[in-house]
Amino acid sequence: MLKGLSISHISLPIKIFEPRSSIQRICDLWTFAPKYLRQAAETDDHLERLKLVVAFTISSIYMCCSQHKPFNPLLGETLQGQFDDGTKFYCEHTSHHPPVSNFLIEDRDGLYKMYGYYEVTGKMGGNHFVSGLRGPNNIVFKDGQHIRFGFPSYKLGGTVMGERTVETYGSCTFEDLTNKTKAMLVANTFKKTGWISRASTGCKDEVQGVIYKSNDITGSKESIKKLYEKDCEFIHDIKDIKDIKK
């Protein structure tokens, strides 16, 4: 750890693992795809679609809140399956260092497809550990509407001492590339202020968000790196958003 290696490069005690690999674990993220993404595909209202994609993402926060770590898959390991409604998913572990898995989800009637990749990241702090899945998710609906978004991170507290906690950390960016509309979610609005007279605002399980017309939406590599990849820049307050047009 002193050499600056990420948590994915070192051996960890077996007792903290769950009996699944990460390409099985990431499927938890999509549990509500048959509900929210199907509903999004069946509406012609593009704004309503964006809202339903946001709801789908919030649902994953609940499904993935766990203190146990999945095992790293073997390079080239694959997984395929389907949900009860016939929605199919395919995963492949395509890189070991860094750990990256690619995926594809297809609606049973071809109303939408979702694809992308996840890089597992992790950083240790003094008494906490922050982990997340970096990489853009892309949803393309049958009529061509394309929405790109990312997931927040999770902060495991009490790794050395104190109460063991799990908190959602950071923000999610949603970009409707077809209609030049964005959404931003900020998770965990809890803040402490003051040294002598301590005060607190917000809540650890609160989510705030805004949907807005953006000045510009770009698909450049720099934009994707800034918003979705390993060193993405989280927004911690709605007031910090700079590109709101309306």
Protein backbone atom coordinates (compact mmCIF):
# COMPACT_ATOMS: atom_id res chain seq x y z
CA MET A 1 0.00 0.00 0.00
CA LEU A 2 2.90 2.35 0.73
CA LYS A 3 3.99 2.02 -2.91
CA GLY A 4 0.71 3.54 -4.02
CA LEU A 5 -0.82 0.36 -5.45
CA SER A 6 -4.61 0.20 -5.61
CA ILE A 7 -6.51 -2.31 -3.52
CA SER A 8 -7.03 -4.48 -6.63
CA HIS A 9 -3.28 -5.23 -6.82
CA ILE A 10 -2.80 -6.75 -3.37
CA SER A 11 -3.93 -9.95 -1.65
CA LEU A 12 -6.76 -9.67 0.86
CA PRO A 13 -8.01 -11.99 3.62
CA ILE A 14 -10.47 -14.62 2.39
CA LYS A 15 -13.02 -13.78 5.11
CA ILE A 16 -13.97 -10.49 3.42
CA PHE A 17 -14.97 -12.17 0.13
CA GLU A 18 -18.36 -13.36 -1.08
CA PRO A 19 -18.61 -16.63 -3.07
CA ARG A 20 -19.03 -14.94 -6.48
CA SER A 21 -16.76 -13.31 -9.04
CA SER A 22 -17.14 -9.66 -10.01
CA ILE A 23 -18.83 -10.42 -13.35
CA GLN A 24 -21.55 -12.14 -11.33
CA ARG A 25 -21.71 -9.30 -8.83
CA ILE A 26 -22.14 -6.55 -11.44
CA CYS A 27 -25.39 -8.19 -12.56
CA ASP A 28 -26.91 -6.92 -9.30
CA LEU A 29 -26.68 -3.45 -10.84
CA TRP A 30 -29.21 -4.42 -13.50
CA THR A 31 -31.83 -6.10 -11.31
CA PHE A 32 -34.46 -3.47 -12.07
CA ALA A 33 -33.69 -3.19 -15.81
CA PRO A 34 -36.81 -5.20 -16.73
CA LYS A 35 -38.91 -2.70 -14.77
CA TYR A 36 -37.44 0.75 -15.40
CA LEU A 37 -35.63 0.37 -18.72
CA ARG A 38 -38.53 -1.51 -20.27
CA GLN A 39 -40.89 1.21 -19.07
CA ALA A 40 -38.51 3.82 -20.50
CA ALA A 41 -38.46 2.05 -23.86
CA GLU A 42 -42.26 1.97 -24.04
CA THR A 43 -42.69 5.75 -23.69
CA ASP A 44 -42.16 8.29 -26.45
CA ASP A 45 -41.43 11.10 -23.97
CA HIS A 46 -37.64 11.57 -24.05
CA LEU A 47 -37.57 13.47 -20.76
CA GLU A 48 -39.60 10.76 -19.03
CA ARG A 49 -37.11 8.22 -20.40
CA LEU A 50 -34.23 10.09 -18.81
CA LYS A 51 -36.08 10.12 -15.48
CA LEU A 52 -36.63 6.36 -15.65
CA VAL A 53 -32.94 5.76 -16.39
CA VAL A 54 -32.15 7.83 -13.28
CA ALA A 55 -34.61 5.71 -11.27
CA PHE A 56 -32.95 2.56 -12.62
CA THR A 57 -29.57 3.84 -11.41
CA ILE A 58 -30.83 4.73 -7.93
CA SER A 59 -32.28 1.21 -7.62
CA SER A 60 -28.77 -0.22 -8.10
CA ILE A 61 -27.50 1.67 -5.04
CA TYR A 62 -29.83 -0.39 -2.88
CA MET A 63 -28.98 -3.67 -4.62
CA CYS A 64 -25.17 -3.27 -4.42
CA CYS A 65 -24.76 -2.07 -0.86
CA SER A 66 -22.52 -4.80 0.63
CA GLN A 67 -19.37 -5.10 2.74
CA HIS A 68 -18.16 -8.25 0.99
CA LYS A 69 -15.79 -8.23 -2.00
CA PRO A 70 -16.31 -10.51 -5.02
CA PHE A 71 -13.37 -12.50 -6.40
CA ASN A 72 -11.47 -11.28 -9.45
CA PRO A 73 -12.57 -13.33 -12.50
CA LEU A 74 -10.12 -15.21 -14.68
CA LEU A 75 -9.00 -13.30 -17.76
CA GLY A 76 -11.45 -14.19 -20.52
CA GLU A 77 -14.08 -15.51 -18.10
CA THR A 78 -17.59 -15.02 -19.46
CA LEU A 79 -21.11 -15.02 -18.08
CA GLN A 80 -24.43 -15.00 -19.84
CA GLY A 81 -27.98 -15.24 -18.53
CA GLN A 82 -31.39 -13.65 -18.52
CA PHE A 83 -33.92 -12.09 -16.18
CA ASP A 84 -37.40 -13.50 -15.64
CA ASP A 85 -38.90 -11.34 -18.40
CA GLY A 86 -36.41 -12.58 -21.02
CA THR A 87 -33.97 -9.65 -20.88
CA LYS A 88 -30.56 -11.12 -21.74
CA PHE A 89 -27.12 -10.09 -20.49
CA TYR A 90 -23.57 -11.00 -21.50
CA CYS A 91 -20.32 -10.26 -19.62
CA GLU A 92 -16.63 -10.90 -20.28
CA HIS A 93 -13.58 -10.13 -18.14
CA THR A 94 -11.30 -8.44 -20.68
CA SER A 95 -8.42 -7.11 -18.55
CA HIS A 96 -6.84 -8.32 -15.33
CA HIS A 97 -4.63 -5.30 -14.43
CA PRO A 98 -6.52 -3.07 -14.27
CA PRO A 99 -9.60 -5.28 -13.72
CA VAL A 100 -12.06 -4.48 -16.53
CA SER A 101 -15.24 -6.29 -17.58
CA ASN A 102 -17.33 -5.56 -20.68
CA PHE A 103 -21.07 -6.16 -20.84
CA LEU A 104 -24.16 -6.09 -23.07
CA ILE A 105 -27.84 -6.14 -22.05
CA GLU A 106 -30.58 -6.65 -24.63
CA ASP A 107 -34.34 -6.28 -24.21
CA ARG A 108 -36.29 -9.37 -25.22
CA ASP A 109 -38.10 -7.42 -27.97
CA GLY A 110 -35.14 -5.28 -29.04
CA LEU A 111 -36.62 -2.08 -27.57
CA TYR A 112 -33.25 -1.09 -26.06
CA LYS A 113 -29.72 -2.27 -25.49
CA MET A 114 -27.26 -1.26 -22.80
CA TYR A 115 -23.52 -1.75 -23.15
CA GLY A 116 -20.21 -0.58 -21.73
CA TYR A 117 -17.40 -1.63 -19.44
CA TYR A 118 -16.55 -1.40 -15.74
CA GLU A 119 -13.11 -0.93 -14.23
CA VAL A 120 -13.03 -1.86 -10.54
CA THR A 121 -11.25 0.83 -8.51
CA GLY A 122 -10.41 1.07 -4.82
CA LYS A 123 -8.54 3.47 -2.57
CA MET A 124 -7.67 3.15 1.13
CA GLY A 125 -7.96 6.04 3.57
CA GLY A 126 -7.03 6.31 7.23
CA ASN A 127 -10.13 4.49 8.46
CA HIS A 128 -12.12 3.91 5.29
CA PHE A 129 -12.06 2.31 1.86
CA VAL A 130 -13.68 3.79 -1.28
CA SER A 131 -14.56 1.49 -4.17
CA GLY A 132 -16.45 1.99 -7.41
CA LEU A 133 -17.09 0.84 -10.97
CA ARG A 134 -15.70 3.32 -13.49
CA GLY A 135 -16.63 3.40 -17.14
CA PRO A 136 -19.60 4.79 -19.09
CA ASN A 137 -22.90 2.91 -19.40
CA ASN A 138 -24.60 3.45 -22.76
CA ILE A 139 -28.32 2.89 -23.35
CA VAL A 140 -29.63 3.10 -26.93
CA PHE A 141 -33.39 2.87 -27.46
CA LYS A 142 -35.08 1.58 -30.60
CA ASP A 143 -35.83 5.08 -31.91
CA GLY A 144 -32.14 6.08 -31.57
CA GLN A 145 -32.15 8.02 -28.29
CA HIS A 146 -28.76 7.53 -26.65
CA ILE A 147 -28.21 8.09 -22.91
CA ARG A 148 -24.77 7.77 -21.31
CA PHE A 149 -24.25 7.67 -17.54
CA GLY A 150 -22.02 6.55 -14.66
CA PHE A 151 -22.45 5.05 -11.20
CA PRO A 152 -21.40 6.52 -7.83
CA SER A 153 -18.84 4.93 -5.49
CA TYR A 154 -19.24 3.26 -2.11
CA LYS A 155 -17.39 4.24 1.05
CA LEU A 156 -16.73 1.54 3.64
CA GLY A 157 -16.04 3.14 7.03
CA GLY A 158 -14.60 1.68 10.19
CA THR A 159 -11.96 -0.45 8.46
CA VAL A 160 -9.52 0.07 11.35
CA MET A 161 -11.66 1.12 14.29
CA GLY A 162 -15.16 2.26 15.14
CA GLU A 163 -18.50 1.32 13.66
CA ARG A 164 -18.49 -0.45 10.28
CA THR A 165 -20.57 1.54 7.79
CA VAL A 166 -21.34 1.58 4.07
CA GLU A 167 -22.25 4.86 2.38
CA THR A 168 -22.92 5.88 -1.21
CA TYR A 169 -20.32 8.43 -2.23
CA GLY A 170 -19.97 10.91 -5.08
CA SER A 171 -22.27 11.72 -7.96
CA CYS A 172 -23.79 10.34 -11.18
CA THR A 173 -23.79 12.15 -14.51
CA PHE A 174 -26.45 11.37 -17.13
CA GLU A 175 -26.14 12.69 -20.69
CA ASP A 176 -28.95 12.45 -23.23
CA LEU A 177 -26.71 12.73 -26.28
CA THR A 178 -29.69 12.87 -28.63
CA ASN A 179 -31.61 15.73 -26.99
CA LYS A 180 -28.76 17.71 -25.36
CA THR A 181 -30.15 17.19 -21.88
CA LYS A 182 -28.29 16.26 -18.70
CA ALA A 183 -29.12 15.02 -15.23
CA MET A 184 -26.90 15.07 -12.16
CA LEU A 185 -27.37 13.09 -8.95
CA VAL A 186 -25.44 13.88 -5.78
CA ALA A 187 -25.40 11.16 -3.14
CA ASN A 188 -24.78 11.62 0.57
CA THR A 189 -25.36 15.31 1.32
CA PHE A 190 -24.15 15.01 4.94
CA LYS A 191 -21.63 17.69 5.97
CA LYS A 192 -19.99 18.70 9.26
CA THR A 193 -18.79 22.25 9.86
CA GLY A 194 -16.95 24.06 12.63
CA TRP A 195 -14.25 23.03 15.10
CA ILE A 196 -15.47 24.41 18.43
CA SER A 197 -19.18 24.66 17.71
CA ARG A 198 -19.90 21.62 15.53
CA ALA A 199 -22.90 21.64 13.22
CA SER A 200 -24.14 19.25 10.57
CA THR A 201 -26.40 19.48 7.52
CA GLY A 202 -27.82 17.03 5.01
CA CYS A 203 -28.16 13.28 5.37
CA LYS A 204 -26.00 10.26 4.51
CA ASP A 205 -28.82 8.44 2.74
CA GLU A 206 -30.15 11.46 0.85
CA VAL A 207 -29.94 11.89 -2.93
CA GLN A 208 -30.37 15.25 -4.64
CA GLY A 209 -30.62 15.82 -8.36
CA VAL A 210 -31.33 18.20 -11.20
CA ILE A 211 -32.25 17.79 -14.87
CA TYR A 212 -31.16 20.58 -17.17
CA LYS A 213 -30.32 21.73 -20.66
CA SER A 214 -26.56 21.80 -21.06
CA ASN A 215 -24.39 24.33 -22.85
CA ASP A 216 -22.58 21.52 -24.64
CA ILE A 217 -22.37 17.73 -24.64
CA THR A 218 -19.31 16.14 -26.15
CA GLY A 219 -18.29 12.55 -26.77
CA SER A 220 -14.58 13.30 -26.69
CA LYS A 221 -12.14 11.04 -24.86
CA GLU A 222 -11.31 13.87 -22.46
CA SER A 223 -14.98 14.32 -21.53
CA ILE A 224 -15.48 10.56 -20.98
CA LYS A 225 -12.32 10.40 -18.87
CA LYS A 226 -13.43 13.35 -16.73
CA LEU A 227 -16.97 12.09 -16.15
CA TYR A 228 -16.79 8.31 -16.05
CA GLU A 229 -13.34 6.77 -15.86
CA LYS A 230 -10.90 5.96 -13.04
CA ASP A 231 -10.08 9.51 -11.94
CA CYS A 232 -13.50 11.01 -12.65
CA GLU A 233 -14.39 14.27 -10.94
CA PHE A 234 -17.36 13.91 -8.59
CA ILE A 235 -19.76 16.75 -7.84
CA HIS A 236 -20.54 17.04 -4.11
CA ASP A 237 -23.05 19.88 -4.29
CA ILE A 238 -25.67 20.72 -6.92
CA LYS A 239 -24.49 24.34 -6.71
CA ASP A 240 -21.10 23.31 -8.17
CA ILE A 241 -22.55 22.36 -11.57
CA LYS A 242 -21.13 24.81 -14.14
CA ASP A 243 -22.81 23.96 -17.46
CA ILE A 244 -26.52 24.58 -16.71
CA LYS A 245 -28.19 26.47 -19.54
CA LYS A 246 -31.79 26.06 -18.43
